[in-house]
Amino acid sequence: MSYLALRVECYAGYRAEETPRRFYLGDQCIVVRTELNRWLEPEYRYFKVTGDDDRYYLLRYAMTTRRWEYQRLSDKT
C-alpha cells in the first residue's frame, strides 16, 4: 500500500491532530463529509473518510514524524 503526503486541517482536542476536517490534494480542498472508521496502531492513527467529492480516502497520521499521508480507496462512493 502506497501513501502520499498531504496537508490536513484538524479539530485538535486533548490530543494534537485529533480528527481531520479537511485536506488538500494539490490546490483542491476536500472537506471530510463522514468519518467511517478510525483506529490506532503503535506508530499511526488511521481515519477512513468520505470526502465532499464522494470518494473514499484512508488518511493516516504518523505520530513519530507528525506527518499526514493518504491513499484514495475508490473513485466514487
N, C-alpha and C. Protein backbone atom coordinates (compact mmCIF):
# COMPACT_ATOMS: atom_id res chain seq x y z
N MET A 1 0.84 -1.17 0.00
CA MET A 1 0.00 0.00 0.00
C MET A 1 0.88 1.24 0.00
N SER A 2 0.63 2.12 -0.93
CA SER A 2 1.44 3.32 -1.04
C SER A 2 0.66 4.54 -0.55
N TYR A 3 1.28 5.32 0.30
CA TYR A 3 0.65 6.53 0.83
C TYR A 3 1.39 7.75 0.31
N LEU A 4 0.66 8.84 0.11
CA LEU A 4 1.23 10.10 -0.35
C LEU A 4 1.04 11.16 0.72
N ALA A 5 1.99 12.06 0.83
CA ALA A 5 1.92 13.13 1.84
C ALA A 5 0.85 14.15 1.45
N LEU A 6 0.25 14.77 2.44
CA LEU A 6 -0.72 15.82 2.20
C LEU A 6 -0.83 16.73 3.41
N ARG A 7 -1.50 17.88 3.18
CA ARG A 7 -1.74 18.84 4.26
C ARG A 7 -3.16 18.64 4.77
N VAL A 8 -3.31 18.59 6.08
CA VAL A 8 -4.60 18.32 6.71
C VAL A 8 -4.88 19.39 7.75
N GLU A 9 -6.14 19.86 7.79
CA GLU A 9 -6.60 20.72 8.87
C GLU A 9 -7.48 19.86 9.77
N CYS A 10 -7.26 19.98 11.07
CA CYS A 10 -7.90 19.09 12.03
C CYS A 10 -8.62 19.83 13.13
N TYR A 11 -9.55 19.12 13.73
CA TYR A 11 -10.05 19.51 15.04
C TYR A 11 -9.00 19.00 16.02
N ALA A 12 -8.50 19.85 16.85
CA ALA A 12 -7.49 19.44 17.82
C ALA A 12 -8.13 19.41 19.20
N GLY A 13 -8.34 18.23 19.71
CA GLY A 13 -8.89 18.06 21.04
C GLY A 13 -7.78 17.98 22.06
N TYR A 14 -7.94 17.07 23.01
CA TYR A 14 -6.91 16.94 24.04
C TYR A 14 -5.62 16.35 23.48
N ARG A 15 -5.71 15.68 22.32
CA ARG A 15 -4.51 15.24 21.60
C ARG A 15 -4.34 16.13 20.39
N ALA A 16 -3.12 16.45 20.04
CA ALA A 16 -2.91 17.24 18.83
C ALA A 16 -3.35 16.44 17.61
N GLU A 17 -3.78 17.14 16.58
CA GLU A 17 -4.16 16.50 15.31
C GLU A 17 -5.16 15.37 15.53
N GLU A 18 -6.20 15.65 16.29
CA GLU A 18 -7.11 14.58 16.69
C GLU A 18 -8.01 14.06 15.57
N THR A 19 -8.72 14.94 14.87
CA THR A 19 -9.69 14.50 13.87
C THR A 19 -9.56 15.35 12.61
N PRO A 20 -9.34 14.73 11.45
CA PRO A 20 -9.24 15.52 10.21
C PRO A 20 -10.59 16.13 9.83
N ARG A 21 -10.56 17.41 9.44
CA ARG A 21 -11.77 18.12 9.00
C ARG A 21 -11.74 18.40 7.50
N ARG A 22 -10.54 18.71 6.98
CA ARG A 22 -10.36 18.93 5.54
C ARG A 22 -8.91 18.66 5.20
N PHE A 23 -8.68 18.34 3.93
CA PHE A 23 -7.31 18.11 3.48
C PHE A 23 -7.17 18.61 2.06
N TYR A 24 -5.92 18.77 1.64
CA TYR A 24 -5.61 19.40 0.37
C TYR A 24 -4.81 18.45 -0.51
N LEU A 25 -5.34 18.20 -1.70
CA LEU A 25 -4.64 17.43 -2.73
C LEU A 25 -4.23 18.45 -3.79
N GLY A 26 -2.98 18.88 -3.74
CA GLY A 26 -2.56 19.97 -4.60
C GLY A 26 -3.30 21.23 -4.19
N ASP A 27 -4.01 21.85 -5.14
CA ASP A 27 -4.79 23.06 -4.85
C ASP A 27 -6.23 22.74 -4.47
N GLN A 28 -6.62 21.49 -4.56
CA GLN A 28 -8.01 21.10 -4.28
C GLN A 28 -8.22 20.86 -2.79
N CYS A 29 -9.20 21.56 -2.21
CA CYS A 29 -9.57 21.36 -0.81
C CYS A 29 -10.72 20.36 -0.75
N ILE A 30 -10.55 19.31 0.02
CA ILE A 30 -11.59 18.30 0.20
C ILE A 30 -12.03 18.33 1.65
N VAL A 31 -13.30 18.57 1.85
CA VAL A 31 -13.88 18.60 3.18
C VAL A 31 -14.29 17.18 3.56
N VAL A 32 -13.94 16.75 4.77
CA VAL A 32 -14.34 15.43 5.24
C VAL A 32 -15.84 15.47 5.53
N ARG A 33 -16.58 14.71 4.76
CA ARG A 33 -18.04 14.66 4.94
C ARG A 33 -18.42 13.70 6.05
N THR A 34 -17.81 12.50 6.03
CA THR A 34 -18.15 11.48 7.02
C THR A 34 -16.89 10.74 7.44
N GLU A 35 -16.75 10.54 8.73
CA GLU A 35 -15.71 9.65 9.25
C GLU A 35 -16.34 8.28 9.39
N LEU A 36 -15.86 7.33 8.60
CA LEU A 36 -16.44 5.99 8.58
C LEU A 36 -15.85 5.08 9.64
N ASN A 37 -14.58 5.28 9.92
CA ASN A 37 -13.89 4.42 10.88
C ASN A 37 -12.60 5.10 11.30
N ARG A 38 -12.10 4.73 12.47
CA ARG A 38 -10.79 5.18 12.92
C ARG A 38 -10.18 4.09 13.78
N TRP A 39 -8.88 3.99 13.76
CA TRP A 39 -8.20 3.01 14.60
C TRP A 39 -6.76 3.44 14.83
N LEU A 40 -6.19 2.87 15.87
CA LEU A 40 -4.81 3.17 16.29
C LEU A 40 -3.92 1.98 16.06
N GLU A 41 -2.70 2.26 15.69
CA GLU A 41 -1.63 1.27 15.66
C GLU A 41 -0.47 1.91 16.39
N PRO A 42 0.56 1.16 16.71
CA PRO A 42 1.65 1.73 17.52
C PRO A 42 2.26 3.02 16.97
N GLU A 43 2.39 3.17 15.65
CA GLU A 43 3.03 4.35 15.10
C GLU A 43 2.10 5.28 14.33
N TYR A 44 0.87 4.85 14.08
CA TYR A 44 -0.05 5.62 13.24
C TYR A 44 -1.44 5.69 13.84
N ARG A 45 -2.16 6.76 13.46
CA ARG A 45 -3.61 6.85 13.66
C ARG A 45 -4.24 6.86 12.28
N TYR A 46 -5.24 6.03 12.07
CA TYR A 46 -5.89 5.90 10.77
C TYR A 46 -7.31 6.42 10.82
N PHE A 47 -7.75 7.02 9.69
CA PHE A 47 -9.11 7.52 9.54
C PHE A 47 -9.60 7.15 8.15
N LYS A 48 -10.66 6.38 8.08
CA LYS A 48 -11.31 6.11 6.80
C LYS A 48 -12.45 7.11 6.69
N VAL A 49 -12.41 7.95 5.62
CA VAL A 49 -13.36 9.05 5.50
C VAL A 49 -13.96 9.09 4.09
N THR A 50 -15.08 9.81 4.00
CA THR A 50 -15.66 10.17 2.72
C THR A 50 -15.47 11.67 2.55
N GLY A 51 -14.95 12.07 1.39
CA GLY A 51 -14.78 13.49 1.12
C GLY A 51 -16.01 14.08 0.46
N ASP A 52 -16.05 15.41 0.38
CA ASP A 52 -17.17 16.06 -0.29
C ASP A 52 -17.14 15.88 -1.80
N ASP A 53 -16.12 15.17 -2.31
CA ASP A 53 -16.06 14.79 -3.72
C ASP A 53 -16.63 13.38 -3.94
N ASP A 54 -17.29 12.83 -2.90
CA ASP A 54 -17.92 11.50 -2.95
C ASP A 54 -16.91 10.37 -3.18
N ARG A 55 -15.70 10.54 -2.68
CA ARG A 55 -14.69 9.48 -2.77
C ARG A 55 -14.29 9.05 -1.37
N TYR A 56 -13.82 7.81 -1.26
CA TYR A 56 -13.32 7.28 -0.01
C TYR A 56 -11.82 7.51 0.07
N TYR A 57 -11.35 7.87 1.26
CA TYR A 57 -9.91 8.07 1.50
C TYR A 57 -9.52 7.40 2.80
N LEU A 58 -8.29 6.92 2.82
CA LEU A 58 -7.70 6.42 4.05
C LEU A 58 -6.59 7.40 4.41
N LEU A 59 -6.78 8.13 5.50
CA LEU A 59 -5.80 9.10 5.99
C LEU A 59 -5.07 8.48 7.17
N ARG A 60 -3.80 8.75 7.25
CA ARG A 60 -3.07 8.27 8.44
C ARG A 60 -2.13 9.36 8.92
N TYR A 61 -1.99 9.40 10.22
CA TYR A 61 -1.13 10.37 10.88
C TYR A 61 0.02 9.60 11.53
N ALA A 62 1.25 9.90 11.11
CA ALA A 62 2.44 9.28 11.69
C ALA A 62 2.81 10.05 12.95
N MET A 63 2.67 9.40 14.08
CA MET A 63 2.88 10.09 15.36
C MET A 63 4.34 10.46 15.60
N THR A 64 5.27 9.69 15.07
CA THR A 64 6.69 9.99 15.31
C THR A 64 7.17 11.15 14.45
N THR A 65 6.70 11.24 13.21
CA THR A 65 7.15 12.31 12.31
C THR A 65 6.15 13.46 12.20
N ARG A 66 4.94 13.27 12.76
CA ARG A 66 3.87 14.27 12.71
C ARG A 66 3.49 14.63 11.28
N ARG A 67 3.45 13.62 10.42
CA ARG A 67 3.09 13.81 9.02
C ARG A 67 1.78 13.10 8.72
N TRP A 68 0.99 13.75 7.87
CA TRP A 68 -0.24 13.15 7.35
C TRP A 68 0.04 12.55 5.98
N GLU A 69 -0.59 11.42 5.72
CA GLU A 69 -0.49 10.75 4.43
C GLU A 69 -1.87 10.23 4.06
N TYR A 70 -2.05 9.94 2.78
CA TYR A 70 -3.36 9.43 2.36
C TYR A 70 -3.23 8.37 1.28
N GLN A 71 -4.32 7.67 1.10
CA GLN A 71 -4.48 6.74 0.00
C GLN A 71 -5.94 6.84 -0.43
N ARG A 72 -6.18 7.07 -1.73
CA ARG A 72 -7.55 7.11 -2.22
C ARG A 72 -8.00 5.66 -2.40
N LEU A 73 -9.14 5.33 -1.81
CA LEU A 73 -9.61 3.95 -1.84
C LEU A 73 -10.53 3.65 -3.02
N SER A 74 -11.28 4.63 -3.49
CA SER A 74 -12.15 4.41 -4.65
C SER A 74 -12.45 5.74 -5.32
N ASP A 75 -12.85 5.67 -6.58
CA ASP A 75 -13.16 6.88 -7.32
C ASP A 75 -14.50 7.48 -6.92
N LYS A 76 -15.49 6.67 -6.64
CA LYS A 76 -16.80 7.17 -6.22
C LYS A 76 -17.39 6.26 -5.18
N THR A 77 -18.20 6.83 -4.30
CA THR A 77 -18.85 6.03 -3.26
C THR A 77 -20.03 5.29 -3.82
